[in-house]
Amino acid sequence: MQQPLIVPDNLESIMTTYRRLWPLMPALHMTIGKLADKAAIRACAKRLGMLAKQDGKQTVKFDHELEMDIFQDYLIYMHRPRGLSLTQQMRNRNRYPQGSDERRLLAAMAQARFSIFWIKEIVPPGGFIALDIISGQDFFILDPMQSPQDITGTLAGVRIFPHQNVWMHTGATLSLGRIDDPAGLQTLGNSMNVQQERELNEEAIGRWRGILKQTPEK
């Protein structure tokens, strides 16, 4: 049986829409983050090992400036005290007009899921094919911030969500090393429930923070 097309024929058209939507995401993330109360922030910081005491008060402590974006990403997508993430809660508020870019983007973001991907191939003008090591499936993921360096072989924690017939990511990427020879790379071939996804996300963040400590800030 012929495999479905990973890179669509209308990629240029998809990229046109994508370039319009991508700049909207940071503002949406900031707006969603305002839904988090102090209890949610403390709970996430504790789970990620980022909770510290300062002057007798509990506070979120970042060891590296890059951790701020990772923490926000985890907070608004993974914290689900009543079964819904903050992103899903914002979608349900119908804050943005019907048919607006923000509403469409938020609806897609509410479907986001985290996994570990092995980057197989770079695809110009702005994407890559990656193997989900949990499901064993290949995904074409759009990426406007491609590094000038070859990232093929990189193992990365990425949160993706659907965009037309391909995938976008939330921008908070965890670089977890390289696997240059995929011969020994084993996939699990299954899907995750929310708890398993959260545990994988937390494990990946912990591993990424360990790598980050060994990398001097520029």
Protein backbone atom coordinates (compact mmCIF):
# COMPACT_ATOMS: atom_id res chain seq x y z
CA MET A 1 0.00 0.00 0.00
CA GLN A 2 1.30 3.43 -0.91
CA GLN A 3 2.17 5.59 2.10
CA PRO A 4 0.31 8.90 2.52
CA LEU A 5 2.12 11.99 1.32
CA ILE A 6 4.09 13.50 4.24
CA VAL A 7 5.01 16.77 2.51
CA PRO A 8 1.93 18.19 0.74
CA ASP A 9 1.98 19.45 -2.84
CA ASN A 10 0.53 22.81 -1.74
CA LEU A 11 3.33 23.54 0.73
CA GLU A 12 3.92 27.07 -0.58
CA SER A 13 0.25 27.93 -0.01
CA ILE A 14 0.36 26.44 3.48
CA MET A 15 3.50 28.43 4.28
CA THR A 16 1.78 31.68 3.26
CA THR A 17 -0.94 31.12 5.84
CA TYR A 18 1.58 29.87 8.37
CA ARG A 19 3.73 33.00 8.12
CA ARG A 20 0.64 35.06 8.93
CA LEU A 21 -0.33 32.91 11.92
CA TRP A 22 3.07 32.32 13.53
CA PRO A 23 3.55 35.90 14.88
CA LEU A 24 0.16 35.66 16.64
CA MET A 25 1.22 32.78 18.86
CA PRO A 26 3.40 34.65 21.42
CA ALA A 27 0.55 37.09 22.15
CA LEU A 28 -1.90 34.20 22.51
CA HIS A 29 0.48 32.41 24.86
CA MET A 30 0.79 35.53 26.99
CA THR A 31 -2.98 35.99 27.14
CA ILE A 32 -3.53 32.34 28.04
CA GLY A 33 -0.86 32.53 30.74
CA LYS A 34 -2.87 35.21 32.52
CA LEU A 35 -5.47 32.54 33.34
CA ALA A 36 -2.97 30.85 35.64
CA ASP A 37 -3.38 31.63 39.33
CA LYS A 38 -0.62 31.41 41.92
CA ALA A 39 -1.57 27.86 42.85
CA ALA A 40 -1.21 26.70 39.22
CA ILE A 41 2.17 28.41 38.88
CA ARG A 42 3.46 26.88 42.12
CA ALA A 43 2.16 23.43 41.21
CA CYS A 44 3.91 23.46 37.82
CA ALA A 45 7.12 24.88 39.27
CA LYS A 46 7.14 22.13 41.90
CA ARG A 47 6.62 19.36 39.34
CA LEU A 48 9.47 20.74 37.21
CA GLY A 49 11.88 21.30 40.10
CA MET A 50 11.77 25.06 39.61
CA LEU A 51 10.19 26.00 42.95
CA ALA A 52 12.51 27.71 45.42
CA LYS A 53 12.28 29.79 48.60
CA GLN A 54 13.40 33.40 48.57
CA ASP A 55 13.02 35.68 51.57
CA GLY A 56 10.75 33.09 53.15
CA LYS A 57 8.42 32.96 50.13
CA GLN A 58 8.04 30.32 47.45
CA THR A 59 9.00 31.53 43.99
CA VAL A 60 9.76 30.16 40.55
CA LYS A 61 13.50 29.98 39.99
CA PHE A 62 15.02 29.75 36.51
CA ASP A 63 18.63 28.65 36.17
CA HIS A 64 18.75 29.75 32.53
CA GLU A 65 16.78 32.37 30.58
CA LEU A 66 15.58 29.72 28.12
CA GLU A 67 13.68 28.00 30.93
CA MET A 68 11.08 30.79 31.03
CA ASP A 69 9.54 29.82 27.68
CA ILE A 70 9.66 26.12 28.54
CA PHE A 71 7.89 26.76 31.84
CA GLN A 72 5.18 28.85 30.17
CA ASP A 73 4.64 26.17 27.54
CA TYR A 74 4.22 23.48 30.20
CA LEU A 75 1.94 25.72 32.29
CA ILE A 76 -0.55 26.56 29.56
CA TYR A 77 -0.64 23.18 27.83
CA MET A 78 -0.01 20.54 30.50
CA HIS A 79 -1.54 21.90 33.73
CA ARG A 80 -5.06 20.40 33.79
CA PRO A 81 -6.50 20.52 37.33
CA ARG A 82 -10.07 20.09 36.07
CA GLY A 83 -9.33 18.11 32.93
CA LEU A 84 -8.77 21.09 30.63
CA SER A 85 -5.53 22.90 29.90
CA LEU A 86 -5.44 26.69 30.13
CA THR A 87 -5.28 26.75 26.33
CA GLN A 88 -8.45 24.68 26.09
CA GLN A 89 -10.11 26.90 28.68
CA MET A 90 -9.28 29.98 26.62
CA ARG A 91 -10.69 28.33 23.49
CA ASN A 92 -13.95 27.63 25.32
CA ARG A 93 -14.32 31.29 26.26
CA ASN A 94 -14.86 32.22 22.58
CA ARG A 95 -12.94 35.43 23.16
CA TYR A 96 -12.00 35.97 19.51
CA PRO A 97 -14.43 36.68 16.64
CA GLN A 98 -15.71 33.82 14.49
CA GLY A 99 -13.48 33.41 11.43
CA SER A 100 -10.55 35.36 12.91
CA ASP A 101 -6.98 34.06 12.65
CA GLU A 102 -6.73 34.07 16.46
CA ARG A 103 -9.80 31.90 16.87
CA ARG A 104 -8.66 29.39 14.24
CA LEU A 105 -5.16 29.25 15.67
CA LEU A 106 -6.41 28.84 19.23
CA ALA A 107 -8.73 25.99 18.18
CA ALA A 108 -5.71 24.19 16.71
CA MET A 109 -3.49 24.95 19.71
CA ALA A 110 -6.10 23.36 21.98
CA GLN A 111 -5.32 20.05 20.23
CA ALA A 112 -1.58 20.24 20.96
CA ARG A 113 0.29 17.20 22.21
CA PHE A 114 3.86 16.65 23.35
CA SER A 115 6.21 13.91 22.19
CA ILE A 116 9.85 13.14 21.47
CA PHE A 117 10.86 13.37 17.82
CA TRP A 118 13.91 12.34 15.84
CA ILE A 119 14.48 14.76 12.96
CA LYS A 120 14.93 12.77 9.76
CA GLU A 121 15.04 15.36 6.98
CA ILE A 122 14.96 19.12 6.46
CA VAL A 123 12.40 20.27 3.89
CA PRO A 124 12.71 23.81 2.45
CA PRO A 125 11.24 26.39 2.63
CA GLY A 126 10.48 25.88 6.30
CA GLY A 127 9.88 22.48 7.78
CA PHE A 128 11.22 19.06 8.64
CA ILE A 129 10.14 15.43 8.67
CA ALA A 130 10.41 13.87 12.11
CA LEU A 131 9.80 10.44 13.56
CA ASP A 132 7.65 10.35 16.70
CA ILE A 133 9.50 7.80 18.81
CA ILE A 134 6.39 7.10 20.88
CA SER A 135 3.87 6.40 18.10
CA GLY A 136 6.37 5.38 15.43
CA GLN A 137 4.74 7.75 12.91
CA ASP A 138 6.39 10.32 10.66
CA PHE A 139 5.20 13.95 10.80
CA PHE A 140 5.91 16.96 8.63
CA ILE A 141 6.32 19.88 11.04
CA LEU A 142 6.51 23.50 9.95
CA ASP A 143 9.35 25.53 11.43
CA PRO A 144 10.05 29.16 10.46
CA MET A 145 13.15 29.41 12.68
CA GLN A 146 15.26 26.72 11.06
CA SER A 147 18.86 26.81 12.17
CA PRO A 148 21.50 27.41 9.50
CA GLN A 149 23.17 24.30 10.93
CA ASP A 150 22.07 20.84 9.89
CA ILE A 151 19.69 19.60 12.60
CA THR A 152 19.15 16.21 10.96
CA GLY A 153 19.64 13.55 13.62
CA THR A 154 18.57 15.80 16.47
CA LEU A 155 16.37 14.29 19.17
CA ALA A 156 13.89 16.90 20.38
CA GLY A 157 10.91 17.29 22.66
CA VAL A 158 8.27 19.16 20.66
CA ARG A 159 4.61 20.05 21.22
CA ILE A 160 2.74 19.90 17.93
CA PHE A 161 -0.76 20.71 16.76
CA PRO A 162 -2.55 20.41 13.38
CA HIS A 163 -2.39 23.11 10.73
CA GLN A 164 -4.26 22.31 7.53
CA ASN A 165 -2.88 18.89 6.60
CA VAL A 166 0.53 19.30 8.30
CA TRP A 167 1.68 20.29 11.80
CA MET A 168 2.86 23.38 13.66
CA HIS A 169 4.78 23.44 16.95
CA THR A 170 4.43 25.75 19.93
CA GLY A 171 7.99 27.10 19.77
CA ALA A 172 9.24 25.64 23.07
CA THR A 173 11.63 22.99 21.71
CA LEU A 174 13.76 20.80 23.96
CA SER A 175 17.03 19.78 22.31
CA LEU A 176 17.93 16.37 23.76
CA GLY A 177 21.05 15.40 21.84
CA ARG A 178 21.73 13.61 18.58
CA ILE A 179 21.28 10.14 17.17
CA ASP A 180 23.32 9.96 13.99
CA ASP A 181 22.72 6.25 13.39
CA PRO A 182 19.01 5.42 13.66
CA ALA A 183 19.62 1.67 13.31
CA GLY A 184 19.17 1.13 17.04
CA LEU A 185 16.34 3.62 17.48
CA GLN A 186 13.29 1.81 18.82
CA THR A 187 9.80 3.29 18.74
CA LEU A 188 7.05 2.24 21.15
CA GLY A 189 4.30 2.10 18.54
CA ASN A 190 1.55 3.32 20.85
CA SER A 191 -0.27 6.45 21.98
CA MET A 192 -0.20 8.18 25.36
CA ASN A 193 -2.91 9.29 27.72
CA VAL A 194 -2.69 12.74 29.32
CA GLN A 195 -0.85 11.51 32.41
CA GLN A 196 1.75 9.66 30.33
CA GLU A 197 2.19 12.70 28.10
CA ARG A 198 2.74 14.94 31.13
CA GLU A 199 5.26 12.53 32.63
CA LEU A 200 7.15 12.36 29.32
CA ASN A 201 7.11 16.17 29.10
CA GLU A 202 8.48 16.47 32.64
CA GLU A 203 11.16 13.86 32.03
CA ALA A 204 12.24 15.63 28.83
CA ILE A 205 12.39 19.01 30.58
CA GLY A 206 14.53 17.52 33.34
CA ARG A 207 16.92 15.99 30.82
CA TRP A 208 17.03 19.25 28.82
CA ARG A 209 17.81 21.28 31.95
CA GLY A 210 20.68 18.92 32.70
CA ILE A 211 22.10 19.45 29.22
CA LEU A 212 21.55 23.20 29.54
CA LYS A 213 23.61 23.38 32.74
CA GLN A 214 26.58 22.03 30.81
CA THR A 215 26.13 24.63 28.05
CA PRO A 216 27.48 28.13 28.82
CA GLU A 217 25.13 31.01 28.08
CA LYS A 218 26.17 33.27 25.22
